[in-house]
Amino acid sequence: MVGNAYFRVPAMLARIFPDGLNFTVEELILEGERAAAAVRSEGRFDGDSLYSNDYAFFFNFVGAQISSVAEHFNPLRVSPALSERMRVALAD
């Protein structure tokens, strides 16, 4: 995602997952001004379609502020229906 588009993701997820997309931190590693988190998500969209995925987040800090974040997930677990809902929601 480019620029400020990343900041629109929480509102987009709230529209697609009315009961929320729940994230669970499975593992957290901290080293100096860096952190890595293994995270799992789960939520329902379009009534009862279940979505879950596993993520790796990498953070860099400057003082107490996050200076950068990288998010990695398995795109093959995103169904075509969910992908289209996300594309339309981000275009709004």
N, C-alpha and C. Protein backbone atom coordinates (compact mmCIF):
# COMPACT_ATOMS: atom_id res chain seq x y z
N MET A 1 0.84 -1.17 0.00
CA MET A 1 0.00 0.00 0.00
C MET A 1 0.88 1.23 0.00
N VAL A 2 0.44 2.25 -0.66
CA VAL A 2 1.26 3.44 -0.82
C VAL A 2 0.71 4.57 0.03
N GLY A 3 1.62 5.32 0.63
CA GLY A 3 1.26 6.54 1.34
C GLY A 3 0.23 6.35 2.43
N ASN A 4 -0.78 7.22 2.41
CA ASN A 4 -1.79 7.23 3.45
C ASN A 4 -2.84 6.14 3.31
N ALA A 5 -2.80 5.34 2.26
CA ALA A 5 -3.78 4.27 2.08
C ALA A 5 -3.76 3.32 3.27
N TYR A 6 -2.60 3.06 3.83
CA TYR A 6 -2.48 2.15 4.97
C TYR A 6 -3.32 2.62 6.15
N PHE A 7 -3.45 3.94 6.32
CA PHE A 7 -4.21 4.50 7.45
C PHE A 7 -5.71 4.32 7.26
N ARG A 8 -6.16 4.02 6.05
CA ARG A 8 -7.58 3.79 5.80
C ARG A 8 -8.00 2.35 6.07
N VAL A 9 -7.05 1.46 6.30
CA VAL A 9 -7.34 0.04 6.49
C VAL A 9 -8.22 -0.24 7.71
N PRO A 10 -7.99 0.35 8.89
CA PRO A 10 -8.87 0.03 10.03
C PRO A 10 -10.34 0.32 9.76
N ALA A 11 -10.67 1.44 9.13
CA ALA A 11 -12.07 1.76 8.82
C ALA A 11 -12.62 0.77 7.80
N MET A 12 -11.81 0.38 6.82
CA MET A 12 -12.23 -0.59 5.81
C MET A 12 -12.53 -1.93 6.47
N LEU A 13 -11.67 -2.38 7.37
CA LEU A 13 -11.89 -3.65 8.05
C LEU A 13 -13.15 -3.60 8.92
N ALA A 14 -13.42 -2.48 9.55
CA ALA A 14 -14.62 -2.33 10.38
C ALA A 14 -15.89 -2.46 9.54
N ARG A 15 -15.86 -1.99 8.30
CA ARG A 15 -17.04 -2.11 7.42
C ARG A 15 -17.23 -3.54 6.95
N ILE A 16 -16.15 -4.24 6.65
CA ILE A 16 -16.24 -5.59 6.10
C ILE A 16 -16.52 -6.64 7.19
N PHE A 17 -15.95 -6.43 8.37
CA PHE A 17 -16.11 -7.37 9.48
C PHE A 17 -16.93 -6.70 10.58
N PRO A 18 -18.26 -6.74 10.49
CA PRO A 18 -19.10 -6.00 11.45
C PRO A 18 -18.89 -6.41 12.91
N ASP A 19 -18.49 -7.65 13.16
CA ASP A 19 -18.22 -8.10 14.52
C ASP A 19 -16.74 -7.98 14.87
N GLY A 20 -15.97 -7.39 13.97
CA GLY A 20 -14.56 -7.16 14.19
C GLY A 20 -13.68 -8.26 13.61
N LEU A 21 -12.49 -7.87 13.28
CA LEU A 21 -11.44 -8.80 12.88
C LEU A 21 -10.50 -8.87 14.09
N ASN A 22 -10.52 -9.99 14.76
CA ASN A 22 -9.77 -10.12 16.01
C ASN A 22 -8.34 -10.58 15.74
N PHE A 23 -7.40 -9.89 16.37
CA PHE A 23 -5.99 -10.21 16.24
C PHE A 23 -5.45 -10.73 17.57
N THR A 24 -4.70 -11.80 17.51
CA THR A 24 -4.07 -12.38 18.70
C THR A 24 -2.57 -12.42 18.47
N VAL A 25 -1.82 -11.80 19.37
CA VAL A 25 -0.36 -11.86 19.29
C VAL A 25 0.08 -13.20 19.86
N GLU A 26 0.67 -14.01 19.01
CA GLU A 26 1.13 -15.34 19.41
C GLU A 26 2.56 -15.31 19.98
N GLU A 27 3.36 -14.39 19.44
CA GLU A 27 4.75 -14.28 19.88
C GLU A 27 5.23 -12.86 19.63
N LEU A 28 6.05 -12.36 20.54
CA LEU A 28 6.60 -11.01 20.42
C LEU A 28 8.07 -11.06 20.78
N ILE A 29 8.90 -10.52 19.90
CA ILE A 29 10.35 -10.48 20.13
C ILE A 29 10.79 -9.02 20.08
N LEU A 30 11.47 -8.58 21.11
CA LEU A 30 11.96 -7.21 21.19
C LEU A 30 13.48 -7.23 21.25
N GLU A 31 14.10 -6.36 20.46
CA GLU A 31 15.56 -6.26 20.47
C GLU A 31 15.92 -4.82 20.16
N GLY A 32 16.40 -4.13 21.16
CA GLY A 32 16.79 -2.73 20.97
C GLY A 32 15.61 -1.90 20.47
N GLU A 33 15.78 -1.27 19.33
CA GLU A 33 14.73 -0.44 18.76
C GLU A 33 13.96 -1.17 17.67
N ARG A 34 13.92 -2.51 17.76
CA ARG A 34 13.19 -3.32 16.78
C ARG A 34 12.30 -4.30 17.52
N ALA A 35 11.20 -4.70 16.84
CA ALA A 35 10.31 -5.72 17.39
C ALA A 35 9.74 -6.53 16.24
N ALA A 36 9.44 -7.78 16.54
CA ALA A 36 8.77 -8.65 15.58
C ALA A 36 7.61 -9.32 16.31
N ALA A 37 6.48 -9.45 15.62
CA ALA A 37 5.31 -10.08 16.23
C ALA A 37 4.72 -11.11 15.28
N ALA A 38 4.45 -12.30 15.81
CA ALA A 38 3.70 -13.32 15.08
C ALA A 38 2.25 -13.18 15.53
N VAL A 39 1.35 -12.95 14.58
CA VAL A 39 -0.04 -12.59 14.90
C VAL A 39 -0.99 -13.45 14.08
N ARG A 40 -2.14 -13.77 14.66
CA ARG A 40 -3.21 -14.51 13.96
C ARG A 40 -4.46 -13.64 13.98
N SER A 41 -5.19 -13.62 12.85
CA SER A 41 -6.46 -12.90 12.79
C SER A 41 -7.59 -13.88 12.52
N GLU A 42 -8.79 -13.47 12.94
CA GLU A 42 -9.98 -14.26 12.66
C GLU A 42 -11.21 -13.35 12.71
N GLY A 43 -12.09 -13.52 11.74
CA GLY A 43 -13.33 -12.75 11.71
C GLY A 43 -14.28 -13.30 10.67
N ARG A 44 -15.52 -12.85 10.74
CA ARG A 44 -16.55 -13.30 9.80
C ARG A 44 -17.02 -12.12 8.96
N PHE A 45 -17.23 -12.38 7.67
CA PHE A 45 -17.74 -11.36 6.76
C PHE A 45 -18.87 -11.97 5.95
N ASP A 46 -19.70 -11.13 5.36
CA ASP A 46 -20.84 -11.60 4.55
C ASP A 46 -21.67 -12.63 5.31
N GLY A 47 -21.99 -12.34 6.55
CA GLY A 47 -22.82 -13.24 7.33
C GLY A 47 -22.02 -14.26 8.09
N ASP A 48 -21.60 -15.32 7.42
CA ASP A 48 -20.88 -16.36 8.16
C ASP A 48 -19.63 -16.87 7.46
N SER A 49 -19.10 -16.12 6.52
CA SER A 49 -17.85 -16.52 5.86
C SER A 49 -16.68 -16.24 6.80
N LEU A 50 -15.95 -17.28 7.16
CA LEU A 50 -14.83 -17.15 8.09
C LEU A 50 -13.55 -16.79 7.34
N TYR A 51 -12.83 -15.83 7.91
CA TYR A 51 -11.51 -15.46 7.40
C TYR A 51 -10.54 -15.57 8.56
N SER A 52 -9.40 -16.20 8.32
CA SER A 52 -8.32 -16.19 9.29
C SER A 52 -7.00 -16.17 8.52
N ASN A 53 -6.00 -15.60 9.15
CA ASN A 53 -4.69 -15.54 8.51
C ASN A 53 -3.63 -15.43 9.59
N ASP A 54 -2.40 -15.71 9.20
CA ASP A 54 -1.24 -15.55 10.07
C ASP A 54 -0.37 -14.45 9.49
N TYR A 55 0.20 -13.64 10.37
CA TYR A 55 0.97 -12.46 9.97
C TYR A 55 2.31 -12.44 10.67
N ALA A 56 3.23 -11.74 10.07
CA ALA A 56 4.48 -11.35 10.73
C ALA A 56 4.57 -9.83 10.59
N PHE A 57 4.68 -9.14 11.70
CA PHE A 57 4.86 -7.69 11.71
C PHE A 57 6.27 -7.39 12.19
N PHE A 58 6.91 -6.45 11.53
CA PHE A 58 8.24 -6.00 11.92
C PHE A 58 8.18 -4.49 12.16
N PHE A 59 8.60 -4.06 13.34
CA PHE A 59 8.53 -2.66 13.73
C PHE A 59 9.93 -2.12 13.99
N ASN A 60 10.12 -0.86 13.64
CA ASN A 60 11.31 -0.10 14.04
C ASN A 60 10.82 1.08 14.85
N PHE A 61 11.58 1.44 15.88
CA PHE A 61 11.20 2.53 16.77
C PHE A 61 12.29 3.60 16.79
N VAL A 62 11.85 4.81 17.00
CA VAL A 62 12.74 5.91 17.33
C VAL A 62 12.19 6.46 18.64
N GLY A 63 12.91 6.20 19.71
CA GLY A 63 12.37 6.53 21.03
C GLY A 63 11.14 5.66 21.28
N ALA A 64 10.04 6.31 21.66
CA ALA A 64 8.80 5.58 21.94
C ALA A 64 7.85 5.56 20.73
N GLN A 65 8.30 6.06 19.59
CA GLN A 65 7.46 6.16 18.39
C GLN A 65 7.81 5.08 17.37
N ILE A 66 6.79 4.51 16.74
CA ILE A 66 7.03 3.57 15.63
C ILE A 66 7.48 4.39 14.43
N SER A 67 8.65 4.05 13.89
CA SER A 67 9.14 4.78 12.72
C SER A 67 8.84 4.04 11.42
N SER A 68 8.68 2.71 11.49
CA SER A 68 8.29 1.96 10.30
C SER A 68 7.68 0.63 10.73
N VAL A 69 6.83 0.10 9.86
CA VAL A 69 6.22 -1.20 10.10
C VAL A 69 6.13 -1.94 8.77
N ALA A 70 6.41 -3.23 8.81
CA ALA A 70 6.23 -4.08 7.63
C ALA A 70 5.28 -5.20 8.03
N GLU A 71 4.29 -5.46 7.19
CA GLU A 71 3.29 -6.49 7.46
C GLU A 71 3.39 -7.55 6.37
N HIS A 72 3.47 -8.80 6.79
CA HIS A 72 3.52 -9.91 5.84
C HIS A 72 2.42 -10.90 6.22
N PHE A 73 1.69 -11.40 5.22
CA PHE A 73 0.63 -12.36 5.46
C PHE A 73 0.53 -13.28 4.26
N ASN A 74 -0.31 -14.30 4.36
CA ASN A 74 -0.48 -15.25 3.26
C ASN A 74 -1.64 -14.79 2.37
N PRO A 75 -1.36 -14.20 1.22
CA PRO A 75 -2.43 -13.70 0.35
C PRO A 75 -3.32 -14.82 -0.22
N LEU A 76 -2.83 -16.05 -0.22
CA LEU A 76 -3.64 -17.16 -0.74
C LEU A 76 -4.82 -17.48 0.16
N ARG A 77 -4.80 -17.00 1.40
CA ARG A 77 -5.91 -17.23 2.32
C ARG A 77 -7.00 -16.17 2.20
N VAL A 78 -6.80 -15.17 1.34
CA VAL A 78 -7.80 -14.13 1.10
C VAL A 78 -8.66 -14.59 -0.07
N SER A 79 -9.92 -14.88 0.20
CA SER A 79 -10.81 -15.39 -0.84
C SER A 79 -11.09 -14.31 -1.87
N PRO A 80 -11.47 -14.69 -3.09
CA PRO A 80 -11.84 -13.69 -4.09
C PRO A 80 -12.96 -12.77 -3.61
N ALA A 81 -13.94 -13.32 -2.88
CA ALA A 81 -15.05 -12.49 -2.38
C ALA A 81 -14.54 -11.43 -1.41
N LEU A 82 -13.66 -11.82 -0.49
CA LEU A 82 -13.11 -10.87 0.46
C LEU A 82 -12.21 -9.86 -0.24
N SER A 83 -11.42 -10.32 -1.17
CA SER A 83 -10.53 -9.44 -1.92
C SER A 83 -11.33 -8.34 -2.63
N GLU A 84 -12.43 -8.71 -3.23
CA GLU A 84 -13.26 -7.73 -3.95
C GLU A 84 -13.89 -6.75 -2.95
N ARG A 85 -14.35 -7.23 -1.81
CA ARG A 85 -14.93 -6.34 -0.79
C ARG A 85 -13.88 -5.33 -0.32
N MET A 86 -12.65 -5.80 -0.14
CA MET A 86 -11.58 -4.91 0.30
C MET A 86 -11.25 -3.87 -0.77
N ARG A 87 -11.18 -4.31 -2.02
CA ARG A 87 -10.86 -3.39 -3.12
C ARG A 87 -11.91 -2.29 -3.20
N VAL A 88 -13.18 -2.64 -3.14
CA VAL A 88 -14.27 -1.66 -3.24
C VAL A 88 -14.25 -0.73 -2.03
N ALA A 89 -14.05 -1.28 -0.83
CA ALA A 89 -14.05 -0.46 0.38
C ALA A 89 -12.90 0.54 0.38
N LEU A 90 -11.74 0.16 -0.10
CA LEU A 90 -10.60 1.09 -0.14
C LEU A 90 -10.76 2.14 -1.22
N ALA A 91 -11.56 1.84 -2.25
CA ALA A 91 -11.77 2.81 -3.34
C ALA A 91 -12.72 3.92 -2.93
N ASP A 92 -13.56 3.66 -1.91
CA ASP A 92 -14.53 4.67 -1.45
C ASP A 92 -13.86 5.89 -0.87
